[in-house]
N, C-alpha and C. Protein backbone atom coordinates (compact mmCIF):
# COMPACT_ATOMS: atom_id res chain seq x y z
N MET A 1 0.50 -1.15 0.61
CA MET A 1 0.29 0.47 -0.15
C MET A 1 1.19 1.10 0.01
N ARG A 2 0.60 2.17 -0.45
CA ARG A 2 0.70 3.78 -0.77
C ARG A 2 0.49 4.20 0.79
N ILE A 3 1.56 4.52 1.46
CA ILE A 3 1.22 5.47 2.81
C ILE A 3 1.87 6.89 3.39
N LEU A 4 0.91 7.71 4.10
CA LEU A 4 0.73 9.21 3.98
C LEU A 4 1.77 8.99 5.94
N ILE A 5 2.08 9.83 6.07
CA ILE A 5 2.74 10.10 7.14
C ILE A 5 2.38 11.62 7.12
N LEU A 6 1.74 12.37 7.68
CA LEU A 6 1.83 13.98 8.65
C LEU A 6 1.74 13.34 9.97
N GLU A 7 3.31 13.66 10.37
CA GLU A 7 4.20 13.77 11.21
C GLU A 7 5.38 15.35 11.23
N ASP A 8 5.24 16.12 12.47
CA ASP A 8 5.77 16.99 12.38
C ASP A 8 7.59 17.05 13.17
N ASP A 9 7.17 16.00 13.98
CA ASP A 9 8.82 15.75 14.37
C ASP A 9 9.32 15.14 13.71
N PRO A 10 10.86 15.11 13.19
CA PRO A 10 12.00 14.54 12.14
C PRO A 10 12.32 13.78 12.72
N LEU A 11 11.74 13.10 13.85
CA LEU A 11 13.03 11.88 14.42
C LEU A 11 11.63 10.78 14.28
N ILE A 12 10.27 10.75 14.68
CA ILE A 12 9.18 10.06 14.61
C ILE A 12 9.03 9.82 13.20
N ALA A 13 8.79 11.07 12.53
CA ALA A 13 7.94 10.87 10.37
C ALA A 13 9.63 9.59 10.45
N LEU A 14 10.70 9.96 10.53
CA LEU A 14 11.92 9.06 9.79
C LEU A 14 11.25 7.48 10.49
N ASP A 15 11.17 7.77 11.79
CA ASP A 15 10.85 6.26 13.05
C ASP A 15 9.92 5.30 11.80
N MET A 16 9.10 6.50 11.75
CA MET A 16 7.47 5.90 11.50
C MET A 16 8.16 5.07 9.54
N GLN A 17 8.47 5.82 9.08
CA GLN A 17 8.67 5.84 7.12
C GLN A 17 9.47 4.01 7.29
N LEU A 18 10.40 3.78 8.71
CA LEU A 18 11.05 2.91 8.90
C LEU A 18 10.40 1.82 8.73
N ILE A 19 9.53 1.80 10.12
CA ILE A 19 8.80 0.66 10.39
C ILE A 19 7.47 0.36 9.34
N VAL A 20 7.38 1.48 8.93
CA VAL A 20 6.48 1.18 7.52
C VAL A 20 6.84 0.26 5.98
N GLU A 21 8.00 1.12 6.23
CA GLU A 21 8.56 0.03 5.18
C GLU A 21 9.41 -1.89 5.54
N SER A 22 9.14 -1.61 6.35
CA SER A 22 9.75 -2.93 7.07
C SER A 22 8.67 -3.81 7.06
N CYS A 23 7.26 -3.09 7.25
CA CYS A 23 6.01 -4.08 7.18
C CYS A 23 5.90 -4.08 5.60
N GLY A 24 6.65 -3.43 4.70
CA GLY A 24 6.65 -4.60 3.23
C GLY A 24 5.47 -2.73 2.15
N HIS A 25 5.59 -1.34 3.28
CA HIS A 25 4.87 -0.87 2.14
C HIS A 25 5.59 0.07 1.59
N GLU A 26 4.71 1.42 1.08
CA GLU A 26 5.17 2.48 0.27
C GLU A 26 5.29 3.84 1.29
N VAL A 27 6.01 4.67 1.48
CA VAL A 27 5.50 5.67 2.14
C VAL A 27 5.80 6.48 0.38
N ALA A 28 4.70 6.81 0.30
CA ALA A 28 4.55 8.14 -0.78
C ALA A 28 4.21 9.52 -0.42
N HIS A 29 4.22 9.61 0.86
CA HIS A 29 4.22 11.27 1.07
C HIS A 29 4.49 11.12 2.74
N LEU A 30 6.09 12.42 2.74
CA LEU A 30 5.99 12.29 4.47
C LEU A 30 6.76 14.27 4.26
N CYS A 31 4.91 14.05 4.81
CA CYS A 31 5.16 15.75 5.31
C CYS A 31 5.41 16.26 7.28
N SER A 32 5.54 17.31 6.82
CA SER A 32 5.65 17.78 8.26
C SER A 32 3.93 18.67 9.00
N SER A 33 3.93 19.27 7.78
CA SER A 33 2.71 20.26 8.36
C SER A 33 1.44 20.56 7.28
N LEU A 34 0.63 21.02 7.94
CA LEU A 34 -0.49 20.91 6.78
C LEU A 34 -0.32 21.60 5.20
N GLU A 35 0.09 22.10 5.85
CA GLU A 35 0.93 23.85 4.03
C GLU A 35 1.69 22.03 3.10
N ASP A 36 3.21 21.77 3.78
CA ASP A 36 3.75 20.65 2.86
C ASP A 36 2.78 19.57 2.79
N LEU A 37 1.58 19.58 2.98
CA LEU A 37 0.29 17.98 2.41
C LEU A 37 0.02 18.80 1.76
N ARG A 38 -0.26 19.70 1.11
CA ARG A 38 -1.46 20.36 0.59
C ARG A 38 -0.30 20.27 -0.91
N ALA A 39 0.57 21.32 -0.71
CA ALA A 39 1.71 21.08 -2.01
C ALA A 39 2.17 20.22 -2.57
N SER A 40 2.04 18.75 -1.71
CA SER A 40 3.74 17.94 -2.22
C SER A 40 2.03 16.63 -2.29
N MET A 41 0.60 16.60 -2.28
CA MET A 41 0.00 15.15 -1.81
C MET A 41 -1.32 15.59 -3.92
N ASP A 42 -1.03 14.85 -4.61
CA ASP A 42 -1.05 14.42 -6.64
C ASP A 42 -2.59 13.98 -6.08
N ASP A 43 -1.76 12.71 -5.58
CA ASP A 43 -3.02 11.53 -5.90
C ASP A 43 -3.33 10.80 -3.73
N ALA A 44 -3.93 10.69 -4.08
CA ALA A 44 -4.54 10.00 -2.34
C ALA A 44 -4.28 8.84 -2.08
N PRO A 45 -3.50 8.67 -1.61
CA PRO A 45 -2.64 6.98 -0.62
C PRO A 45 -3.82 6.63 0.09
N ASP A 46 -3.36 5.46 0.02
CA ASP A 46 -4.37 4.27 -0.02
C ASP A 46 -4.39 4.37 2.09
N PHE A 47 -3.61 4.88 2.66
CA PHE A 47 -3.63 4.45 4.03
C PHE A 47 -2.78 6.11 4.70
N ALA A 48 -3.31 6.56 5.74
CA ALA A 48 -2.60 7.52 5.70
C ALA A 48 -2.61 7.69 7.56
N PHE A 49 -0.89 8.06 8.45
CA PHE A 49 -0.92 8.34 10.22
C PHE A 49 -0.48 9.67 10.09
N LEU A 50 -2.12 10.13 10.88
CA LEU A 50 -1.92 11.52 10.96
C LEU A 50 -1.42 11.41 12.52
N ASP A 51 -0.58 12.74 13.10
CA ASP A 51 -0.49 13.82 13.87
C ASP A 51 -0.84 14.25 13.84
N ILE A 52 -1.64 14.86 14.95
CA ILE A 52 -3.12 15.84 14.88
C ILE A 52 -2.55 16.95 15.22
N ASP A 53 -1.18 17.35 15.71
CA ASP A 53 -0.80 18.85 16.72
C ASP A 53 0.03 19.13 15.76
N LEU A 54 0.41 19.64 14.39
CA LEU A 54 0.84 20.02 13.87
C LEU A 54 1.59 22.35 14.04
N PRO A 55 2.54 22.03 13.31
CA PRO A 55 2.68 23.79 13.84
C PRO A 55 1.38 24.28 12.84
N ASP A 56 1.07 24.35 11.97
CA ASP A 56 -0.26 24.91 11.13
C ASP A 56 -1.74 24.92 11.30
N GLY A 57 -1.56 24.29 12.63
CA GLY A 57 -3.17 23.56 13.31
C GLY A 57 -2.41 21.79 13.28
N LYS A 58 -4.38 22.09 13.62
CA LYS A 58 -4.59 20.41 13.65
C LYS A 58 -4.84 19.70 12.30
N SER A 59 -5.00 18.47 12.38
CA SER A 59 -5.36 17.69 11.19
C SER A 59 -6.92 16.69 11.21
N TYR A 60 -7.55 17.40 11.77
CA TYR A 60 -9.47 17.21 11.88
C TYR A 60 -9.70 16.92 10.31
N GLU A 61 -9.40 18.63 9.93
CA GLU A 61 -9.64 19.10 8.26
C GLU A 61 -8.94 17.82 7.02
N LEU A 62 -8.50 17.64 7.61
CA LEU A 62 -7.73 16.17 6.48
C LEU A 62 -8.56 14.72 6.79
N ALA A 63 -8.66 14.64 7.95
CA ALA A 63 -8.77 13.86 8.01
C ALA A 63 -10.05 13.53 7.84
N ALA A 64 -10.81 13.97 8.21
CA ALA A 64 -12.45 14.08 7.31
C ALA A 64 -12.91 14.22 5.79
N LYS A 65 -11.69 14.94 5.03
CA LYS A 65 -11.75 15.00 4.06
C LYS A 65 -10.85 13.25 3.66
N LEU A 66 -10.10 12.78 4.05
CA LEU A 66 -9.73 11.19 3.48
C LEU A 66 -10.91 10.17 4.07
N GLU A 67 -11.51 10.85 4.59
CA GLU A 67 -12.12 10.35 4.79
C GLU A 67 -13.43 10.18 3.74
N THR A 68 -13.94 11.48 3.35
CA THR A 68 -15.05 11.12 2.62
C THR A 68 -14.51 11.66 0.63
N LEU A 69 -13.14 10.67 1.11
CA LEU A 69 -12.18 9.90 -0.27
C LEU A 69 -12.55 8.29 0.00
N GLY A 70 -12.59 7.63 0.86
CA GLY A 70 -12.33 6.69 1.19
C GLY A 70 -11.29 5.31 1.70
N VAL A 71 -10.57 6.43 2.39
CA VAL A 71 -8.29 6.27 2.53
C VAL A 71 -8.58 6.42 4.36
N ALA A 72 -8.55 4.92 4.72
CA ALA A 72 -7.88 4.10 6.00
C ALA A 72 -6.99 5.37 6.52
N PHE A 73 -6.98 5.78 7.87
CA PHE A 73 -6.03 6.71 8.67
C PHE A 73 -6.59 6.51 9.71
N ALA A 74 -5.09 6.80 10.61
CA ALA A 74 -5.20 5.96 12.26
C ALA A 74 -4.73 7.51 12.67
N PHE A 75 -5.22 7.45 13.50
CA PHE A 75 -4.09 8.82 14.34
C PHE A 75 -3.21 8.74 14.80
N VAL A 76 -2.12 8.85 15.21
CA VAL A 76 -0.31 8.74 16.23
C VAL A 76 -0.90 10.35 16.48
N SER A 77 -0.72 10.60 18.13
CA SER A 77 -0.57 11.56 19.01
C SER A 77 -0.24 10.91 20.18
N GLY A 78 0.45 12.33 20.98
CA GLY A 78 0.75 12.47 22.24
C GLY A 78 -0.70 12.96 22.40
N SER A 79 -2.44 13.72 22.30
CA SER A 79 -2.88 13.38 22.43
C SER A 79 -3.54 12.64 23.23
N ARG A 80 -5.02 12.87 23.35
CA ARG A 80 -5.43 11.03 24.04
C ARG A 80 -7.05 11.13 23.09
N ARG A 81 -7.54 10.16 23.15
CA ARG A 81 -8.72 9.70 21.81
C ARG A 81 -9.62 10.75 22.70
N GLY A 82 -9.64 10.87 24.25
CA GLY A 82 -11.18 11.83 24.73
C GLY A 82 -11.59 13.73 24.00
N GLU A 83 -10.38 14.02 23.73
CA GLU A 83 -9.44 15.34 22.86
C GLU A 83 -10.42 15.59 21.03
N LEU A 84 -10.93 14.28 20.67
CA LEU A 84 -11.28 13.51 19.00
C LEU A 84 -12.38 14.74 18.87
N PRO A 85 -12.81 15.42 17.58
CA PRO A 85 -13.95 15.56 17.74
C PRO A 85 -15.36 14.49 18.05
N ASP A 86 -16.37 14.90 18.03
CA ASP A 86 -17.14 13.81 18.06
C ASP A 86 -17.13 13.11 16.56
N ASN A 87 -16.97 13.41 15.20
CA ASN A 87 -17.12 13.31 14.17
C ASN A 87 -15.92 12.72 14.20
N LEU A 88 -15.08 12.50 14.18
CA LEU A 88 -13.40 11.53 14.42
C LEU A 88 -13.30 10.84 15.36
N ARG A 89 -13.98 10.85 16.76
CA ARG A 89 -14.28 9.52 18.04
C ARG A 89 -13.41 8.17 17.45
N HIS A 90 -14.57 8.04 16.61
CA HIS A 90 -13.99 6.03 15.97
C HIS A 90 -13.09 5.82 15.38
N ALA A 91 -11.88 6.76 15.08
CA ALA A 91 -11.16 6.49 14.41
C ALA A 91 -9.98 6.57 14.53
N ARG A 92 -9.36 4.99 14.56
CA ARG A 92 -7.75 4.82 15.00
C ARG A 92 -7.28 5.96 15.52
N PHE A 93 -6.71 5.33 16.41
CA PHE A 93 -5.75 6.25 17.56
C PHE A 93 -5.05 5.32 17.87
N ILE A 94 -3.54 5.33 18.29
CA ILE A 94 -2.45 5.46 18.26
C ILE A 94 -1.53 5.81 19.55
N PRO A 95 -1.90 5.91 20.51
CA PRO A 95 -1.10 7.10 21.49
C PRO A 95 1.27 6.69 21.31
N LYS A 96 0.90 7.88 21.72
CA LYS A 96 2.72 8.31 21.42
C LYS A 96 2.81 7.76 22.79
N PRO A 97 4.26 6.52 23.25
CA PRO A 97 4.59 6.55 22.79
C PRO A 97 4.46 5.36 21.20
N TYR A 98 4.63 5.09 19.92
CA TYR A 98 4.08 4.27 19.89
C TYR A 98 4.46 2.42 19.76
N SER A 99 4.03 1.92 19.28
CA SER A 99 5.17 0.60 19.21
C SER A 99 5.32 0.16 18.22
N GLN A 100 5.84 -0.18 17.21
CA GLN A 100 6.31 -0.49 16.38
C GLN A 100 5.45 -1.60 15.45
N ALA A 101 4.69 -2.59 17.28
CA ALA A 101 3.75 -3.54 16.00
C ALA A 101 2.45 -2.28 16.19
N ALA A 102 2.06 -1.48 16.40
CA ALA A 102 0.52 -0.48 16.64
C ALA A 102 0.68 -0.50 15.14
N ILE A 103 1.78 0.20 14.96
CA ILE A 103 1.83 0.26 13.48
C ILE A 103 1.46 0.12 12.43
N CYS A 104 2.44 -1.58 12.91
CA CYS A 104 1.61 -2.85 11.79
C CYS A 104 1.05 -3.61 12.05
N ASP A 105 0.33 -2.93 12.94
CA ASP A 105 -1.26 -4.28 13.21
C ASP A 105 -1.94 -3.17 12.02
N SER A 106 -1.69 -1.95 12.30
CA SER A 106 -2.04 -1.43 11.89
C SER A 106 -2.95 -1.83 9.84
N LEU A 107 -1.81 -1.77 9.43
CA LEU A 107 -1.25 -1.89 8.18
C LEU A 107 -1.81 -2.97 7.84
N SER A 108 -1.81 -3.88 9.16
CA SER A 108 -2.08 -5.79 8.04
C SER A 108 -3.87 -5.09 8.68
N ALA A 109 -4.43 -4.34 9.58
CA ALA A 109 -5.28 -4.42 9.45
C ALA A 109 -6.34 -4.10 8.23
N GLU A 110 -5.64 -3.03 7.36
CA GLU A 110 -5.96 -2.35 6.37
C GLU A 110 -5.45 -3.04 5.05
N ARG A 111 -4.71 -3.96 5.48
CA ARG A 111 -3.89 -5.00 3.96
C ARG A 111 -4.51 -5.88 3.85
N ARG A 112 -5.46 -5.88 4.92
CA ARG A 112 -6.60 -7.20 4.46
C ARG A 112 -7.42 -6.75 4.22
N ARG A 113 -8.50 -5.33 4.24
CA ARG A 113 -9.23 -4.49 4.21
C ARG A 113 -8.82 -4.56 3.05
N PHE A 114 -7.77 -3.49 2.34
CA PHE A 114 -7.51 -3.08 0.90
C PHE A 114 -7.62 -4.63 0.09
N ALA A 115 -7.27 -5.45 0.61
CA ALA A 115 -7.40 -6.74 -0.77
C ALA A 115 -8.81 -7.44 -0.41
N ASN A 116 -10.08 -7.20 -0.47
CA ASN A 116 -11.05 -7.35 -0.26
C ASN A 116 -11.49 -6.62 -0.80
C-alpha cells in the first residue's frame, strides 16, 4: 500500500517511515505540516498516519477529507483520544509513544480490508 505520514517531529517521522517500509509498504508522502501536505499530495494514498498537533493547525479537517475519499487513517498522537471531535471519535488512534507493533498492526488490518 501507499502510505501518507503526517508528522512534524523529524525523528518520529523517520522512525515511522522505517517501520512502514519494514512492513512492506511504500511511503508515498512524508509531510511535516498541513501546508507541506497541500503542496506535495497530488493523489490519495491508500492509508494515512496523522499526527494531530502540527505547526499550522490540527489534522482534523484532513482526516474528515480522507474519510470522504474512502482513505483509511490512524491518528498517531500524544493527545488523548477523548480530545477528538465527535465526528472523528471512531477513528483508529495510536497513542505516543507508539510501538512498532501498533503501526504494523494498523497496516495489516488495512491490508486485509484493502485486499477485499
